[in-house]
Amino acid sequence: MLEGSAADSDGFSGLYKATFDNVAAYLEKKEERLQQQLHKKRRHNPAPGPGGETRRVTSGDAAAQS
């Protein structure tokens, strides 16, 4: 083997990539994002009425109902 090679030296042991367990933090942030998206969708599109459909009154509908 080579004299003074990196394999023999302990000076490089700290250079290896450290591993972190950030899965829990990732899943927590993902859940927060999903809740925010769901909240935005519910604000934008209200829940369906008793007939199962949402109905918006337009100017033509308002005149027809009078």
PDB file of N, CA and C in Angstrom:
ATOM      1  N   MET A   1       0.825  -1.187   0.000  1.00  0.00           N
ATOM      2  CA  MET A   1       0.000   0.000   0.000  1.00  0.00           C
ATOM      3  C   MET A   1       0.866   1.245   0.000  1.00  0.00           C
ATOM      4  N   LEU A   2       0.229   2.338  -0.262  1.00  0.00           N
ATOM      5  CA  LEU A   2       0.961   3.595  -0.289  1.00  0.00           C
ATOM      6  C   LEU A   2       1.235   4.092   1.125  1.00  0.00           C
ATOM      7  N   GLU A   3       2.414   4.660   1.266  1.00  0.00           N
ATOM      8  CA  GLU A   3       2.741   5.235   2.564  1.00  0.00           C
ATOM      9  C   GLU A   3       1.955   6.520   2.759  1.00  0.00           C
ATOM     10  N   GLY A   4       1.369   6.693   3.940  1.00  0.00           N
ATOM     11  CA  GLY A   4       0.648   7.928   4.243  1.00  0.00           C
ATOM     12  C   GLY A   4      -0.644   8.078   3.458  1.00  0.00           C
ATOM     13  N   SER A   5      -1.204   6.977   3.011  1.00  0.00           N
ATOM     14  CA  SER A   5      -2.451   7.073   2.237  1.00  0.00           C
ATOM     15  C   SER A   5      -3.609   7.482   3.141  1.00  0.00           C
ATOM     16  N   ALA A   6      -4.672   7.938   2.528  1.00  0.00           N
ATOM     17  CA  ALA A   6      -5.846   8.402   3.270  1.00  0.00           C
ATOM     18  C   ALA A   6      -6.480   7.264   4.060  1.00  0.00           C
ATOM     19  N   ALA A   7      -6.375   6.051   3.567  1.00  0.00           N
ATOM     20  CA  ALA A   7      -6.972   4.909   4.250  1.00  0.00           C
ATOM     21  C   ALA A   7      -6.285   4.651   5.589  1.00  0.00           C
ATOM     22  N   ASP A   8      -5.000   4.950   5.664  1.00  0.00           N
ATOM     23  CA  ASP A   8      -4.256   4.720   6.898  1.00  0.00           C
ATOM     24  C   ASP A   8      -4.396   5.885   7.871  1.00  0.00           C
ATOM     25  N   SER A   9      -4.763   7.016   7.379  1.00  0.00           N
ATOM     26  CA  SER A   9      -4.797   8.219   8.204  1.00  0.00           C
ATOM     27  C   SER A   9      -6.149   8.385   8.885  1.00  0.00           C
ATOM     28  N   ASP A  10      -6.113   8.766  10.153  1.00  0.00           N
ATOM     29  CA  ASP A  10      -7.349   9.042  10.882  1.00  0.00           C
ATOM     30  C   ASP A  10      -7.781  10.493  10.702  1.00  0.00           C
ATOM     31  N   GLY A  11      -7.021  11.280  10.011  1.00  0.00           N
ATOM     32  CA  GLY A  11      -7.338  12.688   9.807  1.00  0.00           C
ATOM     33  C   GLY A  11      -8.562  12.913   8.939  1.00  0.00           C
ATOM     34  N   PHE A  12      -9.003  11.889   8.210  1.00  0.00           N
ATOM     35  CA  PHE A  12     -10.140  12.045   7.313  1.00  0.00           C
ATOM     36  C   PHE A  12     -11.441  11.475   7.873  1.00  0.00           C
ATOM     37  N   SER A  13     -11.402  10.956   9.079  1.00  0.00           N
ATOM     38  CA  SER A  13     -12.607  10.323   9.623  1.00  0.00           C
ATOM     39  C   SER A  13     -13.744  11.329   9.807  1.00  0.00           C
ATOM     40  N   GLY A  14     -13.424  12.581  10.084  1.00  0.00           N
ATOM     41  CA  GLY A  14     -14.457  13.595  10.277  1.00  0.00           C
ATOM     42  C   GLY A  14     -15.020  14.142   8.984  1.00  0.00           C
ATOM     43  N   LEU A  15     -14.453  13.755   7.856  1.00  0.00           N
ATOM     44  CA  LEU A  15     -14.909  14.300   6.582  1.00  0.00           C
ATOM     45  C   LEU A  15     -16.074  13.532   5.974  1.00  0.00           C
ATOM     46  N   TYR A  16     -16.424  12.409   6.538  1.00  0.00           N
ATOM     47  CA  TYR A  16     -17.547  11.645   6.001  1.00  0.00           C
ATOM     48  C   TYR A  16     -18.843  12.381   6.272  1.00  0.00           C
ATOM     49  N   LYS A  17     -19.760  12.225   5.376  1.00  0.00           N
ATOM     50  CA  LYS A  17     -21.043  12.912   5.499  1.00  0.00           C
ATOM     51  C   LYS A  17     -21.777  12.429   6.750  1.00  0.00           C
ATOM     52  N   ALA A  18     -22.194  13.374   7.541  1.00  0.00           N
ATOM     53  CA  ALA A  18     -22.954  13.035   8.743  1.00  0.00           C
ATOM     54  C   ALA A  18     -24.389  12.715   8.341  1.00  0.00           C
ATOM     55  N   THR A  19     -24.980  11.761   9.000  1.00  0.00           N
ATOM     56  CA  THR A  19     -26.372  11.419   8.714  1.00  0.00           C
ATOM     57  C   THR A  19     -27.249  11.987   9.819  1.00  0.00           C
ATOM     58  N   PHE A  20     -28.387  12.505   9.423  1.00  0.00           N
ATOM     59  CA  PHE A  20     -29.322  13.085  10.376  1.00  0.00           C
ATOM     60  C   PHE A  20     -30.676  12.437  10.179  1.00  0.00           C
ATOM     61  N   ASP A  21     -31.367  12.241  11.267  1.00  0.00           N
ATOM     62  CA  ASP A  21     -32.712  11.683  11.190  1.00  0.00           C
ATOM     63  C   ASP A  21     -33.691  12.850  11.258  1.00  0.00           C
ATOM     64  N   ASN A  22     -34.007  13.402  10.088  1.00  0.00           N
ATOM     65  CA  ASN A  22     -34.920  14.532  10.056  1.00  0.00           C
ATOM     66  C   ASN A  22     -36.283  14.131   9.498  1.00  0.00           C
ATOM     67  N   VAL A  23     -36.578  12.864   9.498  1.00  0.00           N
ATOM     68  CA  VAL A  23     -37.838  12.378   8.945  1.00  0.00           C
ATOM     69  C   VAL A  23     -39.016  12.910   9.753  1.00  0.00           C
ATOM     70  N   ALA A  24     -38.893  12.922  11.063  1.00  0.00           N
ATOM     71  CA  ALA A  24     -39.995  13.397  11.906  1.00  0.00           C
ATOM     72  C   ALA A  24     -40.291  14.865  11.624  1.00  0.00           C
ATOM     73  N   ALA A  25     -39.263  15.681  11.521  1.00  0.00           N
ATOM     74  CA  ALA A  25     -39.461  17.107  11.228  1.00  0.00           C
ATOM     75  C   ALA A  25     -40.053  17.286   9.836  1.00  0.00           C
ATOM     76  N   TYR A  26     -39.590  16.502   8.867  1.00  0.00           N
ATOM     77  CA  TYR A  26     -40.117  16.573   7.506  1.00  0.00           C
ATOM     78  C   TYR A  26     -41.603  16.229   7.481  1.00  0.00           C
ATOM     79  N   LEU A  27     -41.979  15.145   8.147  1.00  0.00           N
ATOM     80  CA  LEU A  27     -43.382  14.733   8.151  1.00  0.00           C
ATOM     81  C   LEU A  27     -44.266  15.765   8.846  1.00  0.00           C
ATOM     82  N   GLU A  28     -43.749  16.377   9.890  1.00  0.00           N
ATOM     83  CA  GLU A  28     -44.518  17.408  10.596  1.00  0.00           C
ATOM     84  C   GLU A  28     -44.765  18.613   9.689  1.00  0.00           C
ATOM     85  N   LYS A  29     -43.727  19.057   8.993  1.00  0.00           N
ATOM     86  CA  LYS A  29     -43.876  20.196   8.082  1.00  0.00           C
ATOM     87  C   LYS A  29     -44.788  19.847   6.917  1.00  0.00           C
ATOM     88  N   LYS A  30     -44.698  18.611   6.432  1.00  0.00           N
ATOM     89  CA  LYS A  30     -45.554  18.171   5.332  1.00  0.00           C
ATOM     90  C   LYS A  30     -47.017  18.204   5.763  1.00  0.00           C
ATOM     91  N   GLU A  31     -47.299  17.731   6.955  1.00  0.00           N
ATOM     92  CA  GLU A  31     -48.668  17.737   7.472  1.00  0.00           C
ATOM     93  C   GLU A  31     -49.188  19.170   7.591  1.00  0.00           C
ATOM     94  N   GLU A  32     -48.327  20.086   8.048  1.00  0.00           N
ATOM     95  CA  GLU A  32     -48.728  21.492   8.146  1.00  0.00           C
ATOM     96  C   GLU A  32     -49.059  22.054   6.768  1.00  0.00           C
ATOM     97  N   ARG A  33     -48.232  21.732   5.766  1.00  0.00           N
ATOM     98  CA  ARG A  33     -48.497  22.219   4.405  1.00  0.00           C
ATOM     99  C   ARG A  33     -49.817  21.676   3.882  1.00  0.00           C
ATOM    100  N   LEU A  34     -50.075  20.393   4.113  1.00  0.00           N
ATOM    101  CA  LEU A  34     -51.322  19.788   3.644  1.00  0.00           C
ATOM    102  C   LEU A  34     -52.529  20.426   4.321  1.00  0.00           C
ATOM    103  N   GLN A  35     -52.421  20.713   5.616  1.00  0.00           N
ATOM    104  CA  GLN A  35     -53.521  21.354   6.335  1.00  0.00           C
ATOM    105  C   GLN A  35     -53.765  22.762   5.799  1.00  0.00           C
ATOM    106  N   GLN A  36     -52.696  23.490   5.490  1.00  0.00           N
ATOM    107  CA  GLN A  36     -52.847  24.835   4.937  1.00  0.00           C
ATOM    108  C   GLN A  36     -53.514  24.782   3.571  1.00  0.00           C
ATOM    109  N   GLN A  37     -53.116  23.825   2.730  1.00  0.00           N
ATOM    110  CA  GLN A  37     -53.730  23.691   1.409  1.00  0.00           C
ATOM    111  C   GLN A  37     -55.203  23.343   1.537  1.00  0.00           C
ATOM    112  N   LEU A  38     -55.538  22.448   2.440  1.00  0.00           N
ATOM    113  CA  LEU A  38     -56.921  22.051   2.654  1.00  0.00           C
ATOM    114  C   LEU A  38     -57.738  23.234   3.155  1.00  0.00           C
ATOM    115  N   HIS A  39     -57.160  24.013   4.051  1.00  0.00           N
ATOM    116  CA  HIS A  39     -57.850  25.185   4.586  1.00  0.00           C
ATOM    117  C   HIS A  39     -58.115  26.206   3.477  1.00  0.00           C
ATOM    118  N   LYS A  40     -57.132  26.417   2.597  1.00  0.00           N
ATOM    119  CA  LYS A  40     -57.297  27.363   1.489  1.00  0.00           C
ATOM    120  C   LYS A  40     -58.379  26.885   0.529  1.00  0.00           C
ATOM    121  N   LYS A  41     -58.400  25.587   0.236  1.00  0.00           N
ATOM    122  CA  LYS A  41     -59.409  25.045  -0.676  1.00  0.00           C
ATOM    123  C   LYS A  41     -60.804  25.202  -0.094  1.00  0.00           C
ATOM    124  N   ARG A  42     -60.943  24.974   1.202  1.00  0.00           N
ATOM    125  CA  ARG A  42     -62.257  25.089   1.839  1.00  0.00           C
ATOM    126  C   ARG A  42     -62.735  26.531   1.843  1.00  0.00           C
ATOM    127  N   ARG A  43     -61.806  27.479   1.994  1.00  0.00           N
ATOM    128  CA  ARG A  43     -62.198  28.889   1.953  1.00  0.00           C
ATOM    129  C   ARG A  43     -62.627  29.276   0.547  1.00  0.00           C
ATOM    130  N   HIS A  44     -61.934  28.751  -0.437  1.00  0.00           N
ATOM    131  CA  HIS A  44     -62.220  29.073  -1.834  1.00  0.00           C
ATOM    132  C   HIS A  44     -63.484  28.386  -2.322  1.00  0.00           C
ATOM    133  N   ASN A  45     -63.661  27.132  -2.014  1.00  0.00           N
ATOM    134  CA  ASN A  45     -64.808  26.338  -2.455  1.00  0.00           C
ATOM    135  C   ASN A  45     -65.589  25.878  -1.236  1.00  0.00           C
ATOM    136  N   PRO A  46     -66.732  26.503  -0.950  1.00  0.00           N
ATOM    137  CA  PRO A  46     -67.500  26.082   0.228  1.00  0.00           C
ATOM    138  C   PRO A  46     -68.031  24.668   0.076  1.00  0.00           C
ATOM    139  N   ALA A  47     -68.354  24.073   1.202  1.00  0.00           N
ATOM    140  CA  ALA A  47     -68.879  22.704   1.203  1.00  0.00           C
ATOM    141  C   ALA A  47     -70.204  22.666   0.446  1.00  0.00           C
ATOM    142  N   PRO A  48     -70.527  21.544  -0.192  1.00  0.00           N
ATOM    143  CA  PRO A  48     -71.781  21.439  -0.937  1.00  0.00           C
ATOM    144  C   PRO A  48     -72.988  21.564  -0.015  1.00  0.00           C
ATOM    145  N   GLY A  49     -74.084  22.052  -0.590  1.00  0.00           N
ATOM    146  CA  GLY A  49     -75.321  22.219   0.168  1.00  0.00           C
ATOM    147  C   GLY A  49     -76.021  20.893   0.372  1.00  0.00           C
ATOM    148  N   PRO A  50     -77.261  20.919   0.869  1.00  0.00           N
ATOM    149  CA  PRO A  50     -77.988  19.679   1.161  1.00  0.00           C
ATOM    150  C   PRO A  50     -78.230  18.820  -0.074  1.00  0.00           C
ATOM    151  N   GLY A  51     -78.316  19.420  -1.239  1.00  0.00           N
ATOM    152  CA  GLY A  51     -78.536  18.666  -2.473  1.00  0.00           C
ATOM    153  C   GLY A  51     -77.262  18.061  -3.024  1.00  0.00           C
ATOM    154  N   GLY A  52     -76.133  18.371  -2.384  1.00  0.00           N
ATOM    155  CA  GLY A  52     -74.870  17.809  -2.841  1.00  0.00           C
ATOM    156  C   GLY A  52     -74.155  18.680  -3.854  1.00  0.00           C
ATOM    157  N   GLU A  53     -74.779  19.763  -4.273  1.00  0.00           N
ATOM    158  CA  GLU A  53     -74.167  20.647  -5.252  1.00  0.00           C
ATOM    159  C   GLU A  53     -74.075  22.050  -4.682  1.00  0.00           C
ATOM    160  N   THR A  54     -73.041  22.762  -5.080  1.00  0.00           N
ATOM    161  CA  THR A  54     -72.955  24.166  -4.706  1.00  0.00           C
ATOM    162  C   THR A  54     -73.600  24.966  -5.818  1.00  0.00           C
ATOM    163  N   ARG A  55     -74.256  26.033  -5.451  1.00  0.00           N
ATOM    164  CA  ARG A  55     -74.939  26.833  -6.456  1.00  0.00           C
ATOM    165  C   ARG A  55     -74.606  28.286  -6.210  1.00  0.00           C
ATOM    166  N   ARG A  56     -74.132  28.944  -7.235  1.00  0.00           N
ATOM    167  CA  ARG A  56     -73.850  30.365  -7.150  1.00  0.00           C
ATOM    168  C   ARG A  56     -74.958  31.112  -7.872  1.00  0.00           C
ATOM    169  N   VAL A  57     -75.392  32.171  -7.267  1.00  0.00           N
ATOM    170  CA  VAL A  57     -76.431  32.985  -7.880  1.00  0.00           C
ATOM    171  C   VAL A  57     -75.753  33.992  -8.782  1.00  0.00           C
ATOM    172  N   THR A  58     -76.108  33.964 -10.059  1.00  0.00           N
ATOM    173  CA  THR A  58     -75.575  34.928 -11.011  1.00  0.00           C
ATOM    174  C   THR A  58     -76.633  35.985 -11.264  1.00  0.00           C
ATOM    175  N   SER A  59     -76.275  37.013 -11.966  1.00  0.00           N
ATOM    176  CA  SER A  59     -77.227  38.091 -12.217  1.00  0.00           C
ATOM    177  C   SER A  59     -78.436  37.577 -13.000  1.00  0.00           C
ATOM    178  N   GLY A  60     -78.254  36.641 -13.893  1.00  0.00           N
ATOM    179  CA  GLY A  60     -79.366  36.062 -14.651  1.00  0.00           C
ATOM    180  C   GLY A  60     -80.278  35.246 -13.759  1.00  0.00           C
ATOM    181  N   ASP A  61     -79.713  34.510 -12.807  1.00  0.00           N
ATOM    182  CA  ASP A  61     -80.512  33.711 -11.879  1.00  0.00           C
ATOM    183  C   ASP A  61     -81.314  34.602 -10.942  1.00  0.00           C
ATOM    184  N   ALA A  62     -80.723  35.713 -10.507  1.00  0.00           N
ATOM    185  CA  ALA A  62     -81.409  36.609  -9.585  1.00  0.00           C
ATOM    186  C   ALA A  62     -82.630  37.220 -10.257  1.00  0.00           C
ATOM    187  N   ALA A  63     -82.527  37.552 -11.534  1.00  0.00           N
ATOM    188  CA  ALA A  63     -83.660  38.124 -12.266  1.00  0.00           C
ATOM    189  C   ALA A  63     -84.741  37.076 -12.476  1.00  0.00           C
ATOM    190  N   ALA A  64     -84.346  35.831 -12.699  1.00  0.00           N
ATOM    191  CA  ALA A  64     -85.315  34.761 -12.942  1.00  0.00           C
ATOM    192  C   ALA A  64     -86.067  34.405 -11.669  1.00  0.00           C
ATOM    193  N   GLN A  65     -85.435  34.559 -10.505  1.00  0.00           N
ATOM    194  CA  GLN A  65     -86.075  34.211  -9.243  1.00  0.00           C
ATOM    195  C   GLN A  65     -87.074  35.268  -8.796  1.00  0.00           C
ATOM    196  N   SER A  66     -86.966  36.499  -9.272  1.00  0.00           N
ATOM    197  CA  SER A  66     -87.858  37.588  -8.845  1.00  0.00           C
ATOM    198  C   SER A  66     -89.252  37.446  -9.396  1.00  0.00           C
TER     199      SER A  66
END
